[in-house]
Amino acid sequence: MFELVKKYFESGIYTNEDVKKFVLSGKITGEEYKEITNKDFE
């Protein structure tokens, strides 16, 4: 799931808020959120 979310984020399909939803649903971790967005998960 991480690779797919990262690819979509880098393509501009997903926003930070979209990626945050994946963390909240347990699909990716807070660490992975930071790796994708370069921002701390809050």
C-alpha atoms as a PDB file:
ATOM      1  CA  MET A   1       0.000   0.000   0.000  1.00  0.00           C
ATOM      2  CA  PHE A   2       2.871   2.364   0.845  1.00  0.00           C
ATOM      3  CA  GLU A   3       4.312   2.314  -2.676  1.00  0.00           C
ATOM      4  CA  LEU A   4       0.925   2.978  -4.258  1.00  0.00           C
ATOM      5  CA  VAL A   5       0.122   5.888  -1.940  1.00  0.00           C
ATOM      6  CA  LYS A   6       3.605   7.341  -2.482  1.00  0.00           C
ATOM      7  CA  LYS A   7       3.253   7.074  -6.267  1.00  0.00           C
ATOM      8  CA  TYR A   8      -0.150   8.784  -6.227  1.00  0.00           C
ATOM      9  CA  PHE A   9       1.102  11.537  -3.903  1.00  0.00           C
ATOM     10  CA  GLU A  10       4.132  12.215  -6.097  1.00  0.00           C
ATOM     11  CA  SER A  11       1.845  12.310  -9.155  1.00  0.00           C
ATOM     12  CA  GLY A  12      -0.356  14.922  -7.495  1.00  0.00           C
ATOM     13  CA  ILE A  13      -3.359  12.623  -7.254  1.00  0.00           C
ATOM     14  CA  TYR A  14      -3.282  12.459  -3.436  1.00  0.00           C
ATOM     15  CA  THR A  15      -2.855  15.429  -1.088  1.00  0.00           C
ATOM     16  CA  ASN A  16      -1.399  15.424   2.444  1.00  0.00           C
ATOM     17  CA  GLU A  17      -4.946  15.036   3.758  1.00  0.00           C
ATOM     18  CA  ASP A  18      -5.523  11.999   1.542  1.00  0.00           C
ATOM     19  CA  VAL A  19      -2.323  10.372   2.791  1.00  0.00           C
ATOM     20  CA  LYS A  20      -3.341  11.147   6.394  1.00  0.00           C
ATOM     21  CA  LYS A  21      -6.515   9.118   5.870  1.00  0.00           C
ATOM     22  CA  PHE A  22      -4.398   6.070   5.057  1.00  0.00           C
ATOM     23  CA  VAL A  23      -2.572   6.445   8.381  1.00  0.00           C
ATOM     24  CA  LEU A  24      -5.816   6.847  10.312  1.00  0.00           C
ATOM     25  CA  SER A  25      -7.229   3.719   8.675  1.00  0.00           C
ATOM     26  CA  GLY A  26      -4.099   1.719   9.528  1.00  0.00           C
ATOM     27  CA  LYS A  27      -3.002   1.179   5.926  1.00  0.00           C
ATOM     28  CA  ILE A  28       0.335   2.991   6.375  1.00  0.00           C
ATOM     29  CA  THR A  29       2.282   4.170   9.434  1.00  0.00           C
ATOM     30  CA  GLY A  30       3.078   7.652  10.673  1.00  0.00           C
ATOM     31  CA  GLU A  31       6.691   7.042   9.666  1.00  0.00           C
ATOM     32  CA  GLU A  32       5.595   6.194   6.143  1.00  0.00           C
ATOM     33  CA  TYR A  33       3.449   9.347   6.094  1.00  0.00           C
ATOM     34  CA  LYS A  34       6.558  11.380   6.869  1.00  0.00           C
ATOM     35  CA  GLU A  35       8.552   9.556   4.197  1.00  0.00           C
ATOM     36  CA  ILE A  36       5.870  10.322   1.598  1.00  0.00           C
ATOM     37  CA  THR A  37       5.020  13.919   2.544  1.00  0.00           C
ATOM     38  CA  ASN A  38       8.208  15.095   4.317  1.00  0.00           C
ATOM     39  CA  LYS A  39       5.958  16.289   7.165  1.00  0.00           C
ATOM     40  CA  ASP A  40       5.424  14.852  10.647  1.00  0.00           C
ATOM     41  CA  PHE A  41       2.148  13.041  11.168  1.00  0.00           C
ATOM     42  CA  GLU A  42       0.001  14.926  13.678  1.00  0.00           C
END
